C-alpha atoms as a PDB file:
ATOM      1  CA  MET A   1      62.924 144.915 161.127  1.00  0.00           C
ATOM      2  CA  HIS A   2      66.347 143.845 162.353  1.00  0.00           C
ATOM      3  CA  THR A   3      66.675 142.346 165.810  1.00  0.00           C
ATOM      4  CA  ASN A   4      69.903 142.021 167.685  1.00  0.00           C
ATOM      5  CA  SER A   5      69.616 138.647 169.395  1.00  0.00           C
ATOM      6  CA  GLY A   6      73.370 138.803 170.040  1.00  0.00           C
ATOM      7  CA  LEU A   7      72.873 141.734 172.394  1.00  0.00           C
ATOM      8  CA  VAL A   8      70.024 139.978 174.204  1.00  0.00           C
ATOM      9  CA  GLN A   9      72.100 136.805 174.605  1.00  0.00           C
ATOM     10  CA  ALA A  10      75.140 138.744 175.819  1.00  0.00           C
ATOM     11  CA  LEU A  11      73.094 140.758 178.327  1.00  0.00           C
ATOM     12  CA  HIS A  12      70.736 138.093 179.697  1.00  0.00           C
ATOM     13  CA  ALA A  13      71.806 135.550 182.329  1.00  0.00           C
ATOM     14  CA  ASP A  14      69.927 132.575 183.767  1.00  0.00           C
ATOM     15  CA  GLY A  15      70.617 133.385 187.410  1.00  0.00           C
ATOM     16  CA  PRO A  16      73.078 134.798 189.909  1.00  0.00           C
ATOM     17  CA  THR A  17      76.739 133.835 189.702  1.00  0.00           C
ATOM     18  CA  GLY A  18      79.987 134.822 191.319  1.00  0.00           C
ATOM     19  CA  PRO A  19      81.068 135.283 194.919  1.00  0.00           C
ATOM     20  CA  HIS A  20      78.124 137.555 195.765  1.00  0.00           C
ATOM     21  CA  ALA A  21      75.314 135.335 194.461  1.00  0.00           C
ATOM     22  CA  GLU A  22      73.648 135.302 197.892  1.00  0.00           C
ATOM     23  CA  GLN A  23      73.665 139.110 198.182  1.00  0.00           C
ATOM     24  CA  LEU A  24      72.267 139.343 194.632  1.00  0.00           C
ATOM     25  CA  MET A  25      69.053 137.726 195.823  1.00  0.00           C
ATOM     26  CA  LEU A  26      68.092 140.954 197.612  1.00  0.00           C
ATOM     27  CA  PHE A  27      66.855 142.125 194.192  1.00  0.00           C
ATOM     28  CA  GLY A  28      66.910 138.691 192.523  1.00  0.00           C
ATOM     29  CA  ARG A  29      63.671 137.771 194.262  1.00  0.00           C
ATOM     30  CA  PHE A  30      61.939 140.275 191.959  1.00  0.00           C
ATOM     31  CA  VAL A  31      63.022 138.538 188.720  1.00  0.00           C
ATOM     32  CA  GLY A  32      59.958 138.156 186.511  1.00  0.00           C
ATOM     33  CA  SER A  33      57.121 140.357 185.291  1.00  0.00           C
ATOM     34  CA  TRP A  34      54.895 142.631 187.364  1.00  0.00           C
ATOM     35  CA  ARG A  35      51.767 144.748 186.944  1.00  0.00           C
ATOM     36  CA  LEU A  36      51.987 148.260 188.381  1.00  0.00           C
ATOM     37  CA  GLU A  37      49.364 150.574 189.848  1.00  0.00           C
ATOM     38  CA  TRP A  38      50.975 154.043 189.942  1.00  0.00           C
ATOM     39  CA  SER A  39      49.718 156.960 192.017  1.00  0.00           C
ATOM     40  CA  ALA A  40      50.942 160.444 192.904  1.00  0.00           C
ATOM     41  CA  PRO A  41      49.364 163.324 194.787  1.00  0.00           C
ATOM     42  CA  GLY A  42      47.339 165.499 192.417  1.00  0.00           C
ATOM     43  CA  SER A  43      47.576 163.138 189.411  1.00  0.00           C
ATOM     44  CA  PRO A  44      45.185 160.525 188.053  1.00  0.00           C
ATOM     45  CA  ASN A  45      46.279 156.946 188.711  1.00  0.00           C
ATOM     46  CA  ALA A  46      47.921 154.927 185.940  1.00  0.00           C
ATOM     47  CA  THR A  47      48.788 151.306 185.233  1.00  0.00           C
ATOM     48  CA  GLY A  48      52.017 149.964 183.844  1.00  0.00           C
ATOM     49  CA  GLU A  49      54.421 147.069 183.784  1.00  0.00           C
ATOM     50  CA  LEU A  50      57.762 146.123 185.277  1.00  0.00           C
ATOM     51  CA  HIS A  51      60.205 143.390 184.271  1.00  0.00           C
ATOM     52  CA  PHE A  52      63.259 142.230 186.274  1.00  0.00           C
ATOM     53  CA  GLY A  53      65.990 139.928 184.982  1.00  0.00           C
ATOM     54  CA  TRP A  54      69.523 138.699 185.527  1.00  0.00           C
ATOM     55  CA  VAL A  55      72.178 140.398 183.379  1.00  0.00           C
ATOM     56  CA  LEU A  56      75.919 140.816 182.879  1.00  0.00           C
ATOM     57  CA  GLY A  57      76.947 137.247 183.541  1.00  0.00           C
ATOM     58  CA  GLY A  58      74.548 136.899 186.471  1.00  0.00           C
ATOM     59  CA  ARG A  59      76.356 139.587 188.474  1.00  0.00           C
ATOM     60  CA  ALA A  60      73.654 142.260 188.188  1.00  0.00           C
ATOM     61  CA  VAL A  61      69.877 142.675 188.155  1.00  0.00           C
ATOM     62  CA  GLN A  62      68.243 144.892 185.555  1.00  0.00           C
ATOM     63  CA  ASP A  63      64.673 146.099 185.421  1.00  0.00           C
ATOM     64  CA  VAL A  64      62.528 147.936 182.887  1.00  0.00           C
ATOM     65  CA  TRP A  65      59.643 150.135 184.086  1.00  0.00           C
ATOM     66  CA  ASN A  66      56.965 151.359 181.680  1.00  0.00           C
ATOM     67  CA  VAL A  67      54.074 153.507 182.905  1.00  0.00           C
ATOM     68  CA  PRO A  68      52.121 155.513 180.329  1.00  0.00           C
ATOM     69  CA  GLY A  69      49.678 158.135 181.480  1.00  0.00           C
ATOM     70  CA  PRO A  70      49.615 161.630 182.924  1.00  0.00           C
ATOM     71  CA  ARG A  71      53.282 161.533 184.021  1.00  0.00           C
ATOM     72  CA  PRO A  72      54.693 158.810 181.751  1.00  0.00           C
ATOM     73  CA  PHE A  73      58.060 157.155 182.250  1.00  0.00           C
ATOM     74  CA  HIS A  74      59.891 154.313 180.548  1.00  0.00           C
ATOM     75  CA  GLY A  75      63.303 153.533 181.945  1.00  0.00           C
ATOM     76  CA  SER A  76      65.705 150.936 183.242  1.00  0.00           C
ATOM     77  CA  THR A  77      67.850 150.342 186.296  1.00  0.00           C
ATOM     78  CA  ILE A  78      70.961 148.201 186.549  1.00  0.00           C
ATOM     79  CA  ARG A  79      71.954 147.148 190.069  1.00  0.00           C
ATOM     80  CA  PHE A  80      74.905 145.229 191.430  1.00  0.00           C
ATOM     81  CA  PHE A  81      76.295 144.441 194.874  1.00  0.00           C
ATOM     82  CA  ASP A  82      79.585 146.220 195.618  1.00  0.00           C
ATOM     83  CA  PRO A  83      81.494 144.470 198.430  1.00  0.00           C
ATOM     84  CA  ALA A  84      83.801 147.494 198.816  1.00  0.00           C
ATOM     85  CA  ILE A  85      80.887 149.473 200.301  1.00  0.00           C
ATOM     86  CA  ASP A  86      78.787 146.470 201.433  1.00  0.00           C
ATOM     87  CA  ALA A  87      75.832 147.918 199.536  1.00  0.00           C
ATOM     88  CA  TRP A  88      74.191 148.066 196.125  1.00  0.00           C
ATOM     89  CA  ARG A  89      75.126 150.490 193.371  1.00  0.00           C
ATOM     90  CA  SER A  90      72.137 151.318 191.209  1.00  0.00           C
ATOM     91  CA  THR A  91      71.762 153.558 188.155  1.00  0.00           C
ATOM     92  CA  TRP A  92      68.406 154.659 186.705  1.00  0.00           C
ATOM     93  CA  ILE A  93      68.305 155.686 183.033  1.00  0.00           C
ATOM     94  CA  GLU A  94      65.136 157.209 181.602  1.00  0.00           C
ATOM     95  CA  PRO A  95      65.438 158.603 178.069  1.00  0.00           C
ATOM     96  CA  LEU A  96      61.767 159.639 177.891  1.00  0.00           C
ATOM     97  CA  ASN A  97      62.290 162.295 180.581  1.00  0.00           C
ATOM     98  CA  GLY A  98      66.053 162.776 180.153  1.00  0.00           C
ATOM     99  CA  ARG A  99      66.988 161.435 183.586  1.00  0.00           C
ATOM    100  CA  VAL A 100      70.001 159.543 184.868  1.00  0.00           C
ATOM    101  CA  ARG A 101      70.341 159.059 188.625  1.00  0.00           C
ATOM    102  CA  ARG A 102      72.742 157.031 190.772  1.00  0.00           C
ATOM    103  CA  PHE A 103      71.754 155.420 194.069  1.00  0.00           C
ATOM    104  CA  ILE A 104      73.312 153.456 196.917  1.00  0.00           C
ATOM    105  CA  GLY A 105      70.952 150.834 198.316  1.00  0.00           C
ATOM    106  CA  SER A 106      70.775 148.419 201.207  1.00  0.00           C
ATOM    107  CA  PRO A 107      68.258 146.437 203.215  1.00  0.00           C
ATOM    108  CA  GLN A 108      66.712 148.303 206.147  1.00  0.00           C
ATOM    109  CA  GLY A 109      64.733 145.865 208.218  1.00  0.00           C
ATOM    110  CA  ASP A 110      62.387 144.104 205.797  1.00  0.00           C
ATOM    111  CA  ASP A 111      62.595 146.951 203.271  1.00  0.00           C
ATOM    112  CA  ILE A 112      65.129 147.911 200.608  1.00  0.00           C
ATOM    113  CA  VAL A 113      66.067 151.584 200.546  1.00  0.00           C
ATOM    114  CA  LEU A 114      68.030 153.355 197.804  1.00  0.00           C
ATOM    115  CA  VAL A 115      69.219 156.936 198.275  1.00  0.00           C
ATOM    116  CA  SER A 116      70.612 159.069 195.462  1.00  0.00           C
ATOM    117  CA  ASP A 117      74.278 159.934 195.870  1.00  0.00           C
ATOM    118  CA  GLU A 118      74.264 162.963 193.559  1.00  0.00           C
ATOM    119  CA  ASP A 119      72.269 165.959 192.402  1.00  0.00           C
ATOM    120  CA  ASP A 120      69.657 168.020 194.150  1.00  0.00           C
ATOM    121  CA  PRO A 121      66.994 167.209 195.122  1.00  0.00           C
ATOM    122  CA  GLN A 122      67.988 164.021 196.887  1.00  0.00           C
ATOM    123  CA  LEU A 123      65.819 161.014 196.053  1.00  0.00           C
ATOM    124  CA  ARG A 124      64.902 158.003 198.179  1.00  0.00           C
ATOM    125  CA  TRP A 125      63.340 154.988 196.495  1.00  0.00           C
ATOM    126  CA  SER A 126      62.044 152.150 198.689  1.00  0.00           C
ATOM    127  CA  PHE A 127      60.709 148.644 198.231  1.00  0.00           C
ATOM    128  CA  SER A 128      58.464 147.683 201.152  1.00  0.00           C
ATOM    129  CA  ASP A 129      55.679 145.257 202.076  1.00  0.00           C
ATOM    130  CA  ILE A 130      57.683 142.694 200.066  1.00  0.00           C
ATOM    131  CA  LYS A 131      55.898 139.388 199.522  1.00  0.00           C
ATOM    132  CA  PRO A 132      56.455 136.683 196.867  1.00  0.00           C
ATOM    133  CA  ALA A 133      53.667 138.073 194.650  1.00  0.00           C
ATOM    134  CA  SER A 134      53.569 141.773 195.594  1.00  0.00           C
ATOM    135  CA  PHE A 135      55.473 144.767 196.917  1.00  0.00           C
ATOM    136  CA  THR A 136      55.107 148.525 197.290  1.00  0.00           C
ATOM    137  CA  TRP A 137      57.567 150.960 195.707  1.00  0.00           C
ATOM    138  CA  ARG A 138      57.748 154.551 196.996  1.00  0.00           C
ATOM    139  CA  GLY A 139      59.581 157.523 195.552  1.00  0.00           C
ATOM    140  CA  GLU A 140      60.390 160.362 197.930  1.00  0.00           C
ATOM    141  CA  VAL A 141      62.266 163.661 197.562  1.00  0.00           C
ATOM    142  CA  SER A 142      64.283 165.792 199.983  1.00  0.00           C
ATOM    143  CA  HIS A 143      65.342 169.405 199.491  1.00  0.00           C
ATOM    144  CA  ASP A 144      67.278 169.595 202.788  1.00  0.00           C
ATOM    145  CA  ASP A 145      69.992 166.894 202.475  1.00  0.00           C
ATOM    146  CA  GLY A 146      67.734 164.102 203.714  1.00  0.00           C
ATOM    147  CA  ARG A 147      66.498 165.704 206.934  1.00  0.00           C
ATOM    148  CA  THR A 148      62.881 165.574 205.716  1.00  0.00           C
ATOM    149  CA  TRP A 149      61.232 163.578 202.938  1.00  0.00           C
ATOM    150  CA  ALA A 150      58.037 164.087 200.912  1.00  0.00           C
ATOM    151  CA  GLN A 151      56.398 161.277 198.957  1.00  0.00           C
ATOM    152  CA  GLU A 152      56.214 161.999 195.217  1.00  0.00           C
ATOM    153  CA  GLU A 153      54.809 158.736 193.915  1.00  0.00           C
ATOM    154  CA  GLN A 154      53.934 155.162 194.826  1.00  0.00           C
ATOM    155  CA  MET A 155      53.482 151.945 192.891  1.00  0.00           C
ATOM    156  CA  LEU A 156      51.801 148.754 193.997  1.00  0.00           C
ATOM    157  CA  ALA A 157      53.322 145.813 192.141  1.00  0.00           C
ATOM    158  CA  THR A 158      51.731 142.394 191.682  1.00  0.00           C
ATOM    159  CA  ARG A 159      53.233 139.445 189.810  1.00  0.00           C
ATOM    160  CA  ALA A 160      51.951 139.090 186.276  1.00  0.00           C
END
């Protein structure tokens, strides 16, 4: 089997760099590995894993989510702070289910909230109850331009 260590070395970074290093810590605090407990209404629970890391010269944070089970997904998000909008741009790519979604994210109180900026239905993904060794992730959907939201799934994350 051939491995491409050049790609890994070019992608990976040791930490945040650049003029927005402080803003990068909004998601940088999640760097490392996590265990996931996934749940959704009407589906059996599942367990999975999540890994966050610094990428692209330390100017972005990438994660990889992998949850097998009744509604499996295996995808990755790349996020970076965009000073032009004073918020985070985030793109989710999930080949297993053929999904690509863009989000704009920002802190809201102690939470981080990302809202999709395209396609219908609108999605809202939130990180809440954030502690050094745990957080809750919630996925919600809106079919009325964000006037009302329904929870689709939730994950409880604990540091591995």
